[in-house]
Amino acid sequence: MGLETDTNNGDRKVYSVIVNKEVLDFSYKKTVNDFYAFRIGNILIGTISNTPSGWAAISHMPQENGMGLVYGFKTRLSASEYLLKLQGYQQ
């Protein structure tokens, strides 16, 4: 997944990447404490959090309910890539 551009869209920064030969616009919006809503376009995909042991991610998509937080990502971007893979997007 390669970063193409980033633009400021009001209160959140929007990033554009090319995945599976299509452009995805995704963004992070800080909600509470160190939690960030991760969206593709206007669709909430999951929440990413900065924890003492690294970044964690949880999917908000119905097919992934019950998985809980997945810990151990070194960066926010790697947690995002995990959520994208759950949605079927591959590098």
PDB file of N, CA and C in Angstrom:
ATOM      1  N   MET A   1       0.864  -1.164   0.000  1.00  0.00           N
ATOM      2  CA  MET A   1       0.000   0.000   0.000  1.00  0.00           C
ATOM      3  C   MET A   1       0.904   1.219   0.000  1.00  0.00           C
ATOM      4  N   GLY A   2       0.789   2.056  -0.994  1.00  0.00           N
ATOM      5  CA  GLY A   2       1.635   3.228  -1.087  1.00  0.00           C
ATOM      6  C   GLY A   2       0.851   4.505  -0.925  1.00  0.00           C
ATOM      7  N   LEU A   3       1.386   5.404  -0.140  1.00  0.00           N
ATOM      8  CA  LEU A   3       0.715   6.682   0.094  1.00  0.00           C
ATOM      9  C   LEU A   3       0.830   7.543  -1.148  1.00  0.00           C
ATOM     10  N   GLU A   4      -0.292   8.040  -1.631  1.00  0.00           N
ATOM     11  CA  GLU A   4      -0.317   8.903  -2.806  1.00  0.00           C
ATOM     12  C   GLU A   4      -0.364  10.370  -2.407  1.00  0.00           C
ATOM     13  N   THR A   5      -1.444  10.780  -1.765  1.00  0.00           N
ATOM     14  CA  THR A   5      -1.606  12.179  -1.389  1.00  0.00           C
ATOM     15  C   THR A   5      -2.290  12.256  -0.038  1.00  0.00           C
ATOM     16  N   ASP A   6      -2.210  13.401   0.573  1.00  0.00           N
ATOM     17  CA  ASP A   6      -3.021  13.638   1.765  1.00  0.00           C
ATOM     18  C   ASP A   6      -3.549  15.066   1.692  1.00  0.00           C
ATOM     19  N   THR A   7      -4.801  15.225   2.074  1.00  0.00           N
ATOM     20  CA  THR A   7      -5.438  16.535   2.072  1.00  0.00           C
ATOM     21  C   THR A   7      -6.174  16.725   3.377  1.00  0.00           C
ATOM     22  N   ASN A   8      -6.355  17.960   3.765  1.00  0.00           N
ATOM     23  CA  ASN A   8      -7.070  18.264   4.997  1.00  0.00           C
ATOM     24  C   ASN A   8      -8.541  18.462   4.665  1.00  0.00           C
ATOM     25  N   ASN A   9      -9.401  17.629   5.240  1.00  0.00           N
ATOM     26  CA  ASN A   9     -10.837  17.675   4.978  1.00  0.00           C
ATOM     27  C   ASN A   9     -11.545  18.092   6.261  1.00  0.00           C
ATOM     28  N   GLY A  10     -11.486  19.372   6.581  1.00  0.00           N
ATOM     29  CA  GLY A  10     -12.113  19.849   7.813  1.00  0.00           C
ATOM     30  C   GLY A  10     -11.326  19.416   9.023  1.00  0.00           C
ATOM     31  N   ASP A  11     -11.905  18.553   9.851  1.00  0.00           N
ATOM     32  CA  ASP A  11     -11.271  18.134  11.097  1.00  0.00           C
ATOM     33  C   ASP A  11     -10.510  16.821  10.971  1.00  0.00           C
ATOM     34  N   ARG A  12     -10.397  16.281   9.770  1.00  0.00           N
ATOM     35  CA  ARG A  12      -9.651  15.042   9.603  1.00  0.00           C
ATOM     36  C   ARG A  12      -8.801  15.111   8.347  1.00  0.00           C
ATOM     37  N   LYS A  13      -7.724  14.361   8.347  1.00  0.00           N
ATOM     38  CA  LYS A  13      -6.828  14.318   7.208  1.00  0.00           C
ATOM     39  C   LYS A  13      -7.218  13.122   6.349  1.00  0.00           C
ATOM     40  N   VAL A  14      -7.365  13.347   5.066  1.00  0.00           N
ATOM     41  CA  VAL A  14      -7.757  12.289   4.146  1.00  0.00           C
ATOM     42  C   VAL A  14      -6.537  11.865   3.335  1.00  0.00           C
ATOM     43  N   TYR A  15      -6.303  10.560   3.258  1.00  0.00           N
ATOM     44  CA  TYR A  15      -5.189   9.995   2.516  1.00  0.00           C
ATOM     45  C   TYR A  15      -5.738   9.230   1.322  1.00  0.00           C
ATOM     46  N   SER A  16      -5.017   9.255   0.231  1.00  0.00           N
ATOM     47  CA  SER A  16      -5.391   8.477  -0.949  1.00  0.00           C
ATOM     48  C   SER A  16      -4.288   7.473  -1.223  1.00  0.00           C
ATOM     49  N   VAL A  17      -4.680   6.213  -1.401  1.00  0.00           N
ATOM     50  CA  VAL A  17      -3.731   5.150  -1.697  1.00  0.00           C
ATOM     51  C   VAL A  17      -4.260   4.345  -2.874  1.00  0.00           C
ATOM     52  N   ILE A  18      -3.369   3.636  -3.527  1.00  0.00           N
ATOM     53  CA  ILE A  18      -3.771   2.733  -4.596  1.00  0.00           C
ATOM     54  C   ILE A  18      -3.650   1.311  -4.066  1.00  0.00           C
ATOM     55  N   VAL A  19      -4.779   0.605  -4.060  1.00  0.00           N
ATOM     56  CA  VAL A  19      -4.841  -0.785  -3.611  1.00  0.00           C
ATOM     57  C   VAL A  19      -5.690  -1.537  -4.622  1.00  0.00           C
ATOM     58  N   ASN A  20      -5.228  -2.706  -5.052  1.00  0.00           N
ATOM     59  CA  ASN A  20      -5.964  -3.489  -6.056  1.00  0.00           C
ATOM     60  C   ASN A  20      -6.283  -2.648  -7.294  1.00  0.00           C
ATOM     61  N   LYS A  21      -5.367  -1.795  -7.687  1.00  0.00           N
ATOM     62  CA  LYS A  21      -5.502  -0.942  -8.874  1.00  0.00           C
ATOM     63  C   LYS A  21      -6.670   0.036  -8.787  1.00  0.00           C
ATOM     64  N   GLU A  22      -7.104   0.360  -7.578  1.00  0.00           N
ATOM     65  CA  GLU A  22      -8.127   1.387  -7.409  1.00  0.00           C
ATOM     66  C   GLU A  22      -7.685   2.359  -6.323  1.00  0.00           C
ATOM     67  N   VAL A  23      -8.196   3.571  -6.410  1.00  0.00           N
ATOM     68  CA  VAL A  23      -7.844   4.601  -5.441  1.00  0.00           C
ATOM     69  C   VAL A  23      -8.818   4.531  -4.272  1.00  0.00           C
ATOM     70  N   LEU A  24      -8.269   4.442  -3.064  1.00  0.00           N
ATOM     71  CA  LEU A  24      -9.076   4.469  -1.848  1.00  0.00           C
ATOM     72  C   LEU A  24      -8.760   5.747  -1.095  1.00  0.00           C
ATOM     73  N   ASP A  25      -9.770   6.447  -0.682  1.00  0.00           N
ATOM     74  CA  ASP A  25      -9.600   7.597   0.196  1.00  0.00           C
ATOM     75  C   ASP A  25      -9.939   7.136   1.599  1.00  0.00           C
ATOM     76  N   PHE A  26      -8.971   7.245   2.510  1.00  0.00           N
ATOM     77  CA  PHE A  26      -9.249   6.859   3.887  1.00  0.00           C
ATOM     78  C   PHE A  26      -8.820   7.970   4.818  1.00  0.00           C
ATOM     79  N   SER A  27      -9.352   7.927   6.030  1.00  0.00           N
ATOM     80  CA  SER A  27      -9.051   8.998   6.977  1.00  0.00           C
ATOM     81  C   SER A  27      -9.071   8.469   8.396  1.00  0.00           C
ATOM     82  N   TYR A  28      -8.466   9.246   9.272  1.00  0.00           N
ATOM     83  CA  TYR A  28      -8.486   8.996  10.708  1.00  0.00           C
ATOM     84  C   TYR A  28      -9.117  10.210  11.370  1.00  0.00           C
ATOM     85  N   LYS A  29      -9.988   9.977  12.322  1.00  0.00           N
ATOM     86  CA  LYS A  29     -10.545  11.075  13.101  1.00  0.00           C
ATOM     87  C   LYS A  29     -10.449  10.686  14.563  1.00  0.00           C
ATOM     88  N   LYS A  30      -9.753  11.514  15.335  1.00  0.00           N
ATOM     89  CA  LYS A  30      -9.603  11.224  16.759  1.00  0.00           C
ATOM     90  C   LYS A  30     -10.964  11.330  17.434  1.00  0.00           C
ATOM     91  N   THR A  31     -11.306  10.312  18.218  1.00  0.00           N
ATOM     92  CA  THR A  31     -12.593  10.316  18.906  1.00  0.00           C
ATOM     93  C   THR A  31     -12.381  10.639  20.380  1.00  0.00           C
ATOM     94  N   VAL A  32     -11.964   9.683  21.171  1.00  0.00           N
ATOM     95  CA  VAL A  32     -11.687   9.915  22.592  1.00  0.00           C
ATOM     96  C   VAL A  32     -10.310   9.360  22.921  1.00  0.00           C
ATOM     97  N   ASN A  33      -9.677   9.949  23.907  1.00  0.00           N
ATOM     98  CA  ASN A  33      -8.342   9.517  24.338  1.00  0.00           C
ATOM     99  C   ASN A  33      -7.444   9.297  23.131  1.00  0.00           C
ATOM    100  N   ASP A  34      -6.906   8.100  22.970  1.00  0.00           N
ATOM    101  CA  ASP A  34      -6.040   7.794  21.833  1.00  0.00           C
ATOM    102  C   ASP A  34      -6.732   6.868  20.842  1.00  0.00           C
ATOM    103  N   PHE A  35      -8.031   7.022  20.663  1.00  0.00           N
ATOM    104  CA  PHE A  35      -8.782   6.221  19.707  1.00  0.00           C
ATOM    105  C   PHE A  35      -9.045   7.035  18.446  1.00  0.00           C
ATOM    106  N   TYR A  36      -8.893   6.380  17.296  1.00  0.00           N
ATOM    107  CA  TYR A  36      -9.099   7.027  16.003  1.00  0.00           C
ATOM    108  C   TYR A  36     -10.097   6.216  15.183  1.00  0.00           C
ATOM    109  N   ALA A  37     -11.128   6.880  14.666  1.00  0.00           N
ATOM    110  CA  ALA A  37     -12.061   6.234  13.745  1.00  0.00           C
ATOM    111  C   ALA A  37     -11.366   6.120  12.391  1.00  0.00           C
ATOM    112  N   PHE A  38     -11.367   4.930  11.822  1.00  0.00           N
ATOM    113  CA  PHE A  38     -10.743   4.681  10.524  1.00  0.00           C
ATOM    114  C   PHE A  38     -11.851   4.477   9.504  1.00  0.00           C
ATOM    115  N   ARG A  39     -11.872   5.320   8.485  1.00  0.00           N
ATOM    116  CA  ARG A  39     -12.932   5.289   7.474  1.00  0.00           C
ATOM    117  C   ARG A  39     -12.350   5.162   6.077  1.00  0.00           C
ATOM    118  N   ILE A  40     -13.089   4.450   5.227  1.00  0.00           N
ATOM    119  CA  ILE A  40     -12.833   4.485   3.792  1.00  0.00           C
ATOM    120  C   ILE A  40     -13.985   5.288   3.231  1.00  0.00           C
ATOM    121  N   GLY A  41     -13.668   6.449   2.674  1.00  0.00           N
ATOM    122  CA  GLY A  41     -14.727   7.369   2.269  1.00  0.00           C
ATOM    123  C   GLY A  41     -15.518   7.772   3.502  1.00  0.00           C
ATOM    124  N   ASN A  42     -16.828   7.553   3.470  1.00  0.00           N
ATOM    125  CA  ASN A  42     -17.670   7.867   4.625  1.00  0.00           C
ATOM    126  C   ASN A  42     -18.055   6.635   5.427  1.00  0.00           C
ATOM    127  N   ILE A  43     -17.495   5.474   5.094  1.00  0.00           N
ATOM    128  CA  ILE A  43     -17.856   4.225   5.762  1.00  0.00           C
ATOM    129  C   ILE A  43     -16.884   3.953   6.903  1.00  0.00           C
ATOM    130  N   LEU A  44     -17.423   3.795   8.111  1.00  0.00           N
ATOM    131  CA  LEU A  44     -16.599   3.465   9.270  1.00  0.00           C
ATOM    132  C   LEU A  44     -16.174   2.009   9.164  1.00  0.00           C
ATOM    133  N   ILE A  45     -14.868   1.778   9.079  1.00  0.00           N
ATOM    134  CA  ILE A  45     -14.317   0.439   8.935  1.00  0.00           C
ATOM    135  C   ILE A  45     -13.903  -0.126  10.286  1.00  0.00           C
ATOM    136  N   GLY A  46     -13.304   0.704  11.137  1.00  0.00           N
ATOM    137  CA  GLY A  46     -12.838   0.223  12.425  1.00  0.00           C
ATOM    138  C   GLY A  46     -12.296   1.347  13.274  1.00  0.00           C
ATOM    139  N   THR A  47     -11.780   0.958  14.419  1.00  0.00           N
ATOM    140  CA  THR A  47     -11.158   1.901  15.342  1.00  0.00           C
ATOM    141  C   THR A  47      -9.732   1.453  15.587  1.00  0.00           C
ATOM    142  N   ILE A  48      -8.838   2.421  15.622  1.00  0.00           N
ATOM    143  CA  ILE A  48      -7.421   2.165  15.866  1.00  0.00           C
ATOM    144  C   ILE A  48      -7.028   2.926  17.117  1.00  0.00           C
ATOM    145  N   SER A  49      -6.244   2.271  17.976  1.00  0.00           N
ATOM    146  CA  SER A  49      -5.869   2.885  19.244  1.00  0.00           C
ATOM    147  C   SER A  49      -4.381   2.729  19.496  1.00  0.00           C
ATOM    148  N   ASN A  50      -3.790   3.757  20.093  1.00  0.00           N
ATOM    149  CA  ASN A  50      -2.391   3.696  20.499  1.00  0.00           C
ATOM    150  C   ASN A  50      -2.358   3.211  21.942  1.00  0.00           C
ATOM    151  N   THR A  51      -1.823   2.014  22.148  1.00  0.00           N
ATOM    152  CA  THR A  51      -1.776   1.407  23.478  1.00  0.00           C
ATOM    153  C   THR A  51      -0.328   1.335  23.949  1.00  0.00           C
ATOM    154  N   PRO A  52      -0.097   1.042  25.222  1.00  0.00           N
ATOM    155  CA  PRO A  52       1.283   0.919  25.707  1.00  0.00           C
ATOM    156  C   PRO A  52       2.099  -0.148  24.971  1.00  0.00           C
ATOM    157  N   SER A  53       1.425  -1.164  24.418  1.00  0.00           N
ATOM    158  CA  SER A  53       2.149  -2.226  23.712  1.00  0.00           C
ATOM    159  C   SER A  53       2.156  -2.029  22.198  1.00  0.00           C
ATOM    160  N   GLY A  54       1.799  -0.854  21.733  1.00  0.00           N
ATOM    161  CA  GLY A  54       1.761  -0.576  20.299  1.00  0.00           C
ATOM    162  C   GLY A  54       0.352  -0.232  19.864  1.00  0.00           C
ATOM    163  N   TRP A  55       0.130  -0.243  18.569  1.00  0.00           N
ATOM    164  CA  TRP A  55      -1.187   0.095  18.026  1.00  0.00           C
ATOM    165  C   TRP A  55      -2.082  -1.133  18.027  1.00  0.00           C
ATOM    166  N   ALA A  56      -3.386  -0.902  18.217  1.00  0.00           N
ATOM    167  CA  ALA A  56      -4.382  -1.970  18.197  1.00  0.00           C
ATOM    168  C   ALA A  56      -5.493  -1.572  17.237  1.00  0.00           C
ATOM    169  N   ALA A  57      -6.183  -2.565  16.688  1.00  0.00           N
ATOM    170  CA  ALA A  57      -7.261  -2.299  15.737  1.00  0.00           C
ATOM    171  C   ALA A  57      -8.446  -3.204  16.023  1.00  0.00           C
ATOM    172  N   ILE A  58      -9.647  -2.676  15.783  1.00  0.00           N
ATOM    173  CA  ILE A  58     -10.868  -3.474  15.881  1.00  0.00           C
ATOM    174  C   ILE A  58     -11.761  -3.111  14.704  1.00  0.00           C
ATOM    175  N   SER A  59     -12.296  -4.140  14.060  1.00  0.00           N
ATOM    176  CA  SER A  59     -13.166  -3.932  12.906  1.00  0.00           C
ATOM    177  C   SER A  59     -14.575  -3.596  13.367  1.00  0.00           C
ATOM    178  N   HIS A  60     -15.255  -2.748  12.607  1.00  0.00           N
ATOM    179  CA  HIS A  60     -16.652  -2.415  12.884  1.00  0.00           C
ATOM    180  C   HIS A  60     -17.572  -2.983  11.817  1.00  0.00           C
ATOM    181  N   MET A  61     -17.049  -3.828  10.954  1.00  0.00           N
ATOM    182  CA  MET A  61     -17.864  -4.405   9.896  1.00  0.00           C
ATOM    183  C   MET A  61     -18.615  -5.614  10.443  1.00  0.00           C
ATOM    184  N   PRO A  62     -19.874  -5.814  10.030  1.00  0.00           N
ATOM    185  CA  PRO A  62     -20.708  -6.887  10.598  1.00  0.00           C
ATOM    186  C   PRO A  62     -20.086  -8.275  10.509  1.00  0.00           C
ATOM    187  N   GLN A  63     -19.413  -8.592   9.419  1.00  0.00           N
ATOM    188  CA  GLN A  63     -18.850  -9.931   9.268  1.00  0.00           C
ATOM    189  C   GLN A  63     -17.687 -10.188  10.217  1.00  0.00           C
ATOM    190  N   GLU A  64     -17.146  -9.139  10.836  1.00  0.00           N
ATOM    191  CA  GLU A  64     -16.003  -9.289  11.728  1.00  0.00           C
ATOM    192  C   GLU A  64     -16.383  -9.104  13.191  1.00  0.00           C
ATOM    193  N   ASN A  65     -17.674  -8.984  13.504  1.00  0.00           N
ATOM    194  CA  ASN A  65     -18.096  -8.782  14.892  1.00  0.00           C
ATOM    195  C   ASN A  65     -17.597  -9.914  15.773  1.00  0.00           C
ATOM    196  N   GLY A  66     -17.230  -9.587  16.970  1.00  0.00           N
ATOM    197  CA  GLY A  66     -16.786 -10.580  17.930  1.00  0.00           C
ATOM    198  C   GLY A  66     -15.300 -10.854  17.914  1.00  0.00           C
ATOM    199  N   MET A  67     -14.551 -10.233  17.002  1.00  0.00           N
ATOM    200  CA  MET A  67     -13.113 -10.485  16.950  1.00  0.00           C
ATOM    201  C   MET A  67     -12.376  -9.776  18.071  1.00  0.00           C
ATOM    202  N   GLY A  68     -12.861  -8.641  18.512  1.00  0.00           N
ATOM    203  CA  GLY A  68     -12.192  -7.888  19.559  1.00  0.00           C
ATOM    204  C   GLY A  68     -10.965  -7.161  19.042  1.00  0.00           C
ATOM    205  N   LEU A  69     -10.292  -6.472  19.959  1.00  0.00           N
ATOM    206  CA  LEU A  69      -9.084  -5.728  19.594  1.00  0.00           C
ATOM    207  C   LEU A  69      -7.954  -6.678  19.228  1.00  0.00           C
ATOM    208  N   VAL A  70      -7.232  -6.342  18.178  1.00  0.00           N
ATOM    209  CA  VAL A  70      -6.032  -7.071  17.789  1.00  0.00           C
ATOM    210  C   VAL A  70      -4.862  -6.147  18.076  1.00  0.00           C
ATOM    211  N   TYR A  71      -3.944  -6.597  18.932  1.00  0.00           N
ATOM    212  CA  TYR A  71      -2.829  -5.770  19.403  1.00  0.00           C
ATOM    213  C   TYR A  71      -1.543  -6.089  18.651  1.00  0.00           C
ATOM    214  N   GLY A  72      -0.550  -5.221  18.828  1.00  0.00           N
ATOM    215  CA  GLY A  72       0.801  -5.519  18.405  1.00  0.00           C
ATOM    216  C   GLY A  72       1.269  -4.884  17.110  1.00  0.00           C
ATOM    217  N   PHE A  73       0.521  -3.939  16.567  1.00  0.00           N
ATOM    218  CA  PHE A  73       0.970  -3.267  15.351  1.00  0.00           C
ATOM    219  C   PHE A  73       1.976  -2.181  15.719  1.00  0.00           C
ATOM    220  N   LYS A  74       3.041  -2.063  14.923  1.00  0.00           N
ATOM    221  CA  LYS A  74       4.087  -1.079  15.227  1.00  0.00           C
ATOM    222  C   LYS A  74       3.684   0.341  14.865  1.00  0.00           C
ATOM    223  N   THR A  75       2.833   0.487  13.851  1.00  0.00           N
ATOM    224  CA  THR A  75       2.431   1.824  13.402  1.00  0.00           C
ATOM    225  C   THR A  75       0.922   1.877  13.176  1.00  0.00           C
ATOM    226  N   ARG A  76       0.398   3.087  13.121  1.00  0.00           N
ATOM    227  CA  ARG A  76      -1.018   3.271  12.820  1.00  0.00           C
ATOM    228  C   ARG A  76      -1.314   2.773  11.407  1.00  0.00           C
ATOM    229  N   LEU A  77      -0.377   2.984  10.493  1.00  0.00           N
ATOM    230  CA  LEU A  77      -0.571   2.529   9.120  1.00  0.00           C
ATOM    231  C   LEU A  77      -0.651   1.006   9.039  1.00  0.00           C
ATOM    232  N   SER A  78       0.179   0.289   9.799  1.00  0.00           N
ATOM    233  CA  SER A  78       0.111  -1.176   9.754  1.00  0.00           C
ATOM    234  C   SER A  78      -1.208  -1.683  10.336  1.00  0.00           C
ATOM    235  N   ALA A  79      -1.746  -0.999  11.342  1.00  0.00           N
ATOM    236  CA  ALA A  79      -3.071  -1.356  11.864  1.00  0.00           C
ATOM    237  C   ALA A  79      -4.134  -1.097  10.799  1.00  0.00           C
ATOM    238  N   SER A  80      -3.971  -0.024  10.045  1.00  0.00           N
ATOM    239  CA  SER A  80      -4.903   0.294   8.959  1.00  0.00           C
ATOM    240  C   SER A  80      -4.847  -0.764   7.864  1.00  0.00           C
ATOM    241  N   GLU A  81      -3.642  -1.200   7.522  1.00  0.00           N
ATOM    242  CA  GLU A  81      -3.485  -2.232   6.499  1.00  0.00           C
ATOM    243  C   GLU A  81      -4.193  -3.516   6.913  1.00  0.00           C
ATOM    244  N   TYR A  82      -4.121  -3.852   8.204  1.00  0.00           N
ATOM    245  CA  TYR A  82      -4.826  -5.028   8.727  1.00  0.00           C
ATOM    246  C   TYR A  82      -6.331  -4.887   8.492  1.00  0.00           C
ATOM    247  N   LEU A  83      -6.888  -3.719   8.818  1.00  0.00           N
ATOM    248  CA  LEU A  83      -8.323  -3.501   8.623  1.00  0.00           C
ATOM    249  C   LEU A  83      -8.690  -3.542   7.142  1.00  0.00           C
ATOM    250  N   LEU A  84      -7.820  -3.017   6.290  1.00  0.00           N
ATOM    251  CA  LEU A  84      -8.077  -3.082   4.849  1.00  0.00           C
ATOM    252  C   LEU A  84      -8.072  -4.527   4.360  1.00  0.00           C
ATOM    253  N   LYS A  85      -7.153  -5.348   4.871  1.00  0.00           N
ATOM    254  CA  LYS A  85      -7.101  -6.759   4.473  1.00  0.00           C
ATOM    255  C   LYS A  85      -8.369  -7.492   4.891  1.00  0.00           C
ATOM    256  N   LEU A  86      -8.927  -7.144   6.055  1.00  0.00           N
ATOM    257  CA  LEU A  86     -10.192  -7.751   6.472  1.00  0.00           C
ATOM    258  C   LEU A  86     -11.310  -7.435   5.487  1.00  0.00           C
ATOM    259  N   GLN A  87     -11.195  -6.304   4.815  1.00  0.00           N
ATOM    260  CA  GLN A  87     -12.198  -5.891   3.832  1.00  0.00           C
ATOM    261  C   GLN A  87     -11.916  -6.451   2.439  1.00  0.00           C
ATOM    262  N   GLY A  88     -10.826  -7.197   2.308  1.00  0.00           N
ATOM    263  CA  GLY A  88     -10.505  -7.799   1.018  1.00  0.00           C
ATOM    264  C   GLY A  88      -9.566  -6.990   0.152  1.00  0.00           C
ATOM    265  N   TYR A  89      -9.029  -5.902   0.684  1.00  0.00           N
ATOM    266  CA  TYR A  89      -8.075  -5.090  -0.071  1.00  0.00           C
ATOM    267  C   TYR A  89      -6.672  -5.601   0.211  1.00  0.00           C
ATOM    268  N   GLN A  90      -5.931  -5.909  -0.836  1.00  0.00           N
ATOM    269  CA  GLN A  90      -4.555  -6.372  -0.705  1.00  0.00           C
ATOM    270  C   GLN A  90      -3.633  -5.385  -1.391  1.00  0.00           C
ATOM    271  N   GLN A  91      -2.381  -5.375  -0.969  1.00  0.00           N
ATOM    272  CA  GLN A  91      -1.381  -4.516  -1.599  1.00  0.00           C
ATOM    273  C   GLN A  91      -1.132  -4.937  -3.018  1.00  0.00           C
TER     274      GLN A  91
END
